[in-house]
Amino acid sequence: MDERNEQPGGEAGGGLVPSRRMVLALGAAAASTVVTVRPALAQTAGSVMHCQIPVPAPQNAGSYIAPDGSVVAPGTAGAFPPPPRPLTGEEAKALLNHGPTPAGLDPEAAQAYVNYIRRLQAGMSGFTCYASLQMPR
């Protein structure tokens, strides 16, 4: 049985319109898609906040961070030691949005860490976390 009815008047462009049954079926499919995707987006948002950004990347362990965010040798004048642990996505997002400095971090060091995070590029440790923080919600 054909699910389409011919449109009266025989207009150019096919002249067929979907039946009421077809429109209702498409509406039901769209509703179930929204119900399925919404929890997945919520889970993604939660996992982004728990991702980690090591400062500096593991291959530069022991290095310090200059105020401009570059990685420098330990003991460089004006540079800051790395934080005691990787920053979480939530902490990084707060710092990037000029929020509160996480407990245990010097505010000047935190600004250097923000500058380091902003310098992250594809392939660097923590870049995926940083990129996901930049996506609009």
C-alpha atoms as a PDB file:
ATOM      1  CA  MET A   1       0.000   0.000   0.000  1.00  0.00           C
ATOM      2  CA  ASP A   2       1.363   3.449  -0.939  1.00  0.00           C
ATOM      3  CA  GLU A   3       2.003   5.753   2.068  1.00  0.00           C
ATOM      4  CA  ARG A   4       1.591   8.898  -0.054  1.00  0.00           C
ATOM      5  CA  ASN A   5      -1.413  10.608  -1.550  1.00  0.00           C
ATOM      6  CA  GLU A   6      -1.409  12.582  -4.740  1.00  0.00           C
ATOM      7  CA  GLN A   7      -1.780  16.275  -4.120  1.00  0.00           C
ATOM      8  CA  PRO A   8      -4.841  17.759  -5.773  1.00  0.00           C
ATOM      9  CA  GLY A   9      -4.051  20.126  -8.593  1.00  0.00           C
ATOM     10  CA  GLY A  10      -1.061  18.119  -9.844  1.00  0.00           C
ATOM     11  CA  GLU A  11       1.549  20.820  -9.127  1.00  0.00           C
ATOM     12  CA  ALA A  12       4.993  20.475 -10.644  1.00  0.00           C
ATOM     13  CA  GLY A  13       7.640  19.085  -8.288  1.00  0.00           C
ATOM     14  CA  GLY A  14       6.363  15.560  -7.807  1.00  0.00           C
ATOM     15  CA  GLY A  15       2.798  16.226  -6.754  1.00  0.00           C
ATOM     16  CA  LEU A  16       3.102  13.818  -3.794  1.00  0.00           C
ATOM     17  CA  VAL A  17       2.737  14.644  -0.113  1.00  0.00           C
ATOM     18  CA  PRO A  18       3.294  12.294   2.818  1.00  0.00           C
ATOM     19  CA  SER A  19       0.204  10.735   4.392  1.00  0.00           C
ATOM     20  CA  ARG A  20      -0.837  11.476   7.939  1.00  0.00           C
ATOM     21  CA  ARG A  21       0.477   8.062   9.011  1.00  0.00           C
ATOM     22  CA  MET A  22       3.926   8.842   7.569  1.00  0.00           C
ATOM     23  CA  VAL A  23       4.065  12.233   9.310  1.00  0.00           C
ATOM     24  CA  LEU A  24       3.101  10.662  12.662  1.00  0.00           C
ATOM     25  CA  ALA A  25       5.740   7.932  12.237  1.00  0.00           C
ATOM     26  CA  LEU A  26       8.432  10.523  11.498  1.00  0.00           C
ATOM     27  CA  GLY A  27       7.371  12.543  14.549  1.00  0.00           C
ATOM     28  CA  ALA A  28       7.622   9.483  16.789  1.00  0.00           C
ATOM     29  CA  ALA A  29      11.082   8.668  15.430  1.00  0.00           C
ATOM     30  CA  ALA A  30      12.263  12.240  16.064  1.00  0.00           C
ATOM     31  CA  ALA A  31      10.942  12.181  19.645  1.00  0.00           C
ATOM     32  CA  SER A  32      12.760   8.955  20.435  1.00  0.00           C
ATOM     33  CA  THR A  33      15.968  10.417  18.996  1.00  0.00           C
ATOM     34  CA  VAL A  34      15.755  13.409  21.338  1.00  0.00           C
ATOM     35  CA  VAL A  35      15.165  11.121  24.325  1.00  0.00           C
ATOM     36  CA  THR A  36      18.191   9.012  23.317  1.00  0.00           C
ATOM     37  CA  VAL A  37      20.613  11.879  22.559  1.00  0.00           C
ATOM     38  CA  ARG A  38      19.893  14.110  25.548  1.00  0.00           C
ATOM     39  CA  PRO A  39      21.330  11.707  28.203  1.00  0.00           C
ATOM     40  CA  ALA A  40      24.379  11.124  26.001  1.00  0.00           C
ATOM     41  CA  LEU A  41      25.026  14.873  25.849  1.00  0.00           C
ATOM     42  CA  ALA A  42      24.652  15.146  29.615  1.00  0.00           C
ATOM     43  CA  GLN A  43      27.120  12.305  30.100  1.00  0.00           C
ATOM     44  CA  THR A  44      29.569  13.972  27.697  1.00  0.00           C
ATOM     45  CA  ALA A  45      29.328  17.259  29.588  1.00  0.00           C
ATOM     46  CA  GLY A  46      30.061  15.422  32.835  1.00  0.00           C
ATOM     47  CA  SER A  47      33.046  13.587  31.426  1.00  0.00           C
ATOM     48  CA  VAL A  48      34.493  16.840  30.054  1.00  0.00           C
ATOM     49  CA  MET A  49      34.516  18.298  33.546  1.00  0.00           C
ATOM     50  CA  HIS A  50      36.441  15.248  34.812  1.00  0.00           C
ATOM     51  CA  CYS A  51      39.079  15.143  32.057  1.00  0.00           C
ATOM     52  CA  GLN A  52      42.593  16.175  33.031  1.00  0.00           C
ATOM     53  CA  ILE A  53      45.204  18.542  31.670  1.00  0.00           C
ATOM     54  CA  PRO A  54      48.741  17.815  32.855  1.00  0.00           C
ATOM     55  CA  VAL A  55      50.811  20.988  33.274  1.00  0.00           C
ATOM     56  CA  PRO A  56      53.330  20.509  31.763  1.00  0.00           C
ATOM     57  CA  ALA A  57      52.864  17.467  29.521  1.00  0.00           C
ATOM     58  CA  PRO A  58      54.457  14.227  30.820  1.00  0.00           C
ATOM     59  CA  GLN A  59      57.351  14.474  28.335  1.00  0.00           C
ATOM     60  CA  ASN A  60      58.284  17.789  30.021  1.00  0.00           C
ATOM     61  CA  ALA A  61      57.912  16.505  33.591  1.00  0.00           C
ATOM     62  CA  GLY A  62      59.997  18.514  36.024  1.00  0.00           C
ATOM     63  CA  SER A  63      59.969  21.618  33.819  1.00  0.00           C
ATOM     64  CA  TYR A  64      58.618  24.935  35.018  1.00  0.00           C
ATOM     65  CA  ILE A  65      56.036  27.208  33.409  1.00  0.00           C
ATOM     66  CA  ALA A  66      56.960  30.777  32.472  1.00  0.00           C
ATOM     67  CA  PRO A  67      54.368  33.540  32.938  1.00  0.00           C
ATOM     68  CA  ASP A  68      53.667  33.482  29.172  1.00  0.00           C
ATOM     69  CA  GLY A  69      52.826  29.747  29.359  1.00  0.00           C
ATOM     70  CA  SER A  70      56.001  28.434  27.767  1.00  0.00           C
ATOM     71  CA  VAL A  71      57.841  25.453  29.238  1.00  0.00           C
ATOM     72  CA  VAL A  72      61.229  26.401  30.683  1.00  0.00           C
ATOM     73  CA  ALA A  73      64.033  24.789  32.668  1.00  0.00           C
ATOM     74  CA  PRO A  74      63.621  24.467  36.434  1.00  0.00           C
ATOM     75  CA  GLY A  75      64.951  27.463  38.318  1.00  0.00           C
ATOM     76  CA  THR A  76      64.300  29.928  35.482  1.00  0.00           C
ATOM     77  CA  ALA A  77      63.730  33.377  36.972  1.00  0.00           C
ATOM     78  CA  GLY A  78      60.041  34.242  37.231  1.00  0.00           C
ATOM     79  CA  ALA A  79      58.894  30.722  36.252  1.00  0.00           C
ATOM     80  CA  PHE A  80      56.555  28.612  38.359  1.00  0.00           C
ATOM     81  CA  PRO A  81      56.846  24.973  39.380  1.00  0.00           C
ATOM     82  CA  PRO A  82      54.171  22.693  37.936  1.00  0.00           C
ATOM     83  CA  PRO A  83      51.003  22.109  39.966  1.00  0.00           C
ATOM     84  CA  PRO A  84      51.119  19.074  42.263  1.00  0.00           C
ATOM     85  CA  ARG A  85      48.598  17.227  40.061  1.00  0.00           C
ATOM     86  CA  PRO A  86      46.954  17.593  36.631  1.00  0.00           C
ATOM     87  CA  LEU A  87      44.209  20.209  36.456  1.00  0.00           C
ATOM     88  CA  THR A  88      40.691  18.838  36.002  1.00  0.00           C
ATOM     89  CA  GLY A  89      38.476  20.103  33.202  1.00  0.00           C
ATOM     90  CA  GLU A  90      36.344  21.868  35.784  1.00  0.00           C
ATOM     91  CA  GLU A  91      39.348  23.692  37.268  1.00  0.00           C
ATOM     92  CA  ALA A  92      40.697  24.573  33.816  1.00  0.00           C
ATOM     93  CA  LYS A  93      37.318  25.917  32.708  1.00  0.00           C
ATOM     94  CA  ALA A  94      37.050  28.070  35.839  1.00  0.00           C
ATOM     95  CA  LEU A  95      40.576  29.425  35.312  1.00  0.00           C
ATOM     96  CA  LEU A  96      39.954  30.105  31.610  1.00  0.00           C
ATOM     97  CA  ASN A  97      36.796  32.044  32.531  1.00  0.00           C
ATOM     98  CA  HIS A  98      38.636  34.117  35.182  1.00  0.00           C
ATOM     99  CA  GLY A  99      37.010  32.105  37.976  1.00  0.00           C
ATOM    100  CA  PRO A 100      38.448  31.251  41.354  1.00  0.00           C
ATOM    101  CA  THR A 101      41.948  29.837  41.657  1.00  0.00           C
ATOM    102  CA  PRO A 102      41.862  26.186  42.769  1.00  0.00           C
ATOM    103  CA  ALA A 103      42.952  25.558  46.358  1.00  0.00           C
ATOM    104  CA  GLY A 104      46.679  25.150  46.779  1.00  0.00           C
ATOM    105  CA  LEU A 105      47.645  27.177  43.680  1.00  0.00           C
ATOM    106  CA  ASP A 106      49.271  30.574  43.684  1.00  0.00           C
ATOM    107  CA  PRO A 107      47.136  33.005  41.623  1.00  0.00           C
ATOM    108  CA  GLU A 108      50.166  34.142  39.564  1.00  0.00           C
ATOM    109  CA  ALA A 109      51.130  30.521  38.892  1.00  0.00           C
ATOM    110  CA  ALA A 110      47.516  29.774  37.956  1.00  0.00           C
ATOM    111  CA  GLN A 111      47.649  32.520  35.303  1.00  0.00           C
ATOM    112  CA  ALA A 112      50.836  30.981  33.891  1.00  0.00           C
ATOM    113  CA  TYR A 113      49.047  27.603  33.774  1.00  0.00           C
ATOM    114  CA  VAL A 114      46.133  29.224  31.904  1.00  0.00           C
ATOM    115  CA  ASN A 115      48.604  30.626  29.376  1.00  0.00           C
ATOM    116  CA  TYR A 116      50.142  27.141  29.036  1.00  0.00           C
ATOM    117  CA  ILE A 117      46.687  25.608  28.447  1.00  0.00           C
ATOM    118  CA  ARG A 118      45.885  28.206  25.782  1.00  0.00           C
ATOM    119  CA  ARG A 119      49.089  27.183  23.946  1.00  0.00           C
ATOM    120  CA  LEU A 120      48.061  23.506  23.738  1.00  0.00           C
ATOM    121  CA  GLN A 121      47.919  22.119  20.207  1.00  0.00           C
ATOM    122  CA  ALA A 122      46.630  18.910  18.652  1.00  0.00           C
ATOM    123  CA  GLY A 123      48.762  15.965  19.682  1.00  0.00           C
ATOM    124  CA  MET A 124      49.790  17.487  23.002  1.00  0.00           C
ATOM    125  CA  SER A 125      48.732  15.885  26.263  1.00  0.00           C
ATOM    126  CA  GLY A 126      45.566  17.596  27.536  1.00  0.00           C
ATOM    127  CA  PHE A 127      44.603  19.130  24.182  1.00  0.00           C
ATOM    128  CA  THR A 128      41.459  17.004  23.761  1.00  0.00           C
ATOM    129  CA  CYS A 129      40.256  18.063  27.190  1.00  0.00           C
ATOM    130  CA  TYR A 130      40.996  21.732  26.418  1.00  0.00           C
ATOM    131  CA  ALA A 131      39.269  21.518  23.024  1.00  0.00           C
ATOM    132  CA  SER A 132      36.169  19.971  24.574  1.00  0.00           C
ATOM    133  CA  LEU A 133      36.004  22.822  27.089  1.00  0.00           C
ATOM    134  CA  GLN A 134      35.855  25.268  24.159  1.00  0.00           C
ATOM    135  CA  MET A 135      32.785  23.636  22.574  1.00  0.00           C
ATOM    136  CA  PRO A 136      29.526  25.481  23.204  1.00  0.00           C
ATOM    137  CA  ARG A 137      26.934  23.647  25.258  1.00  0.00           C
END
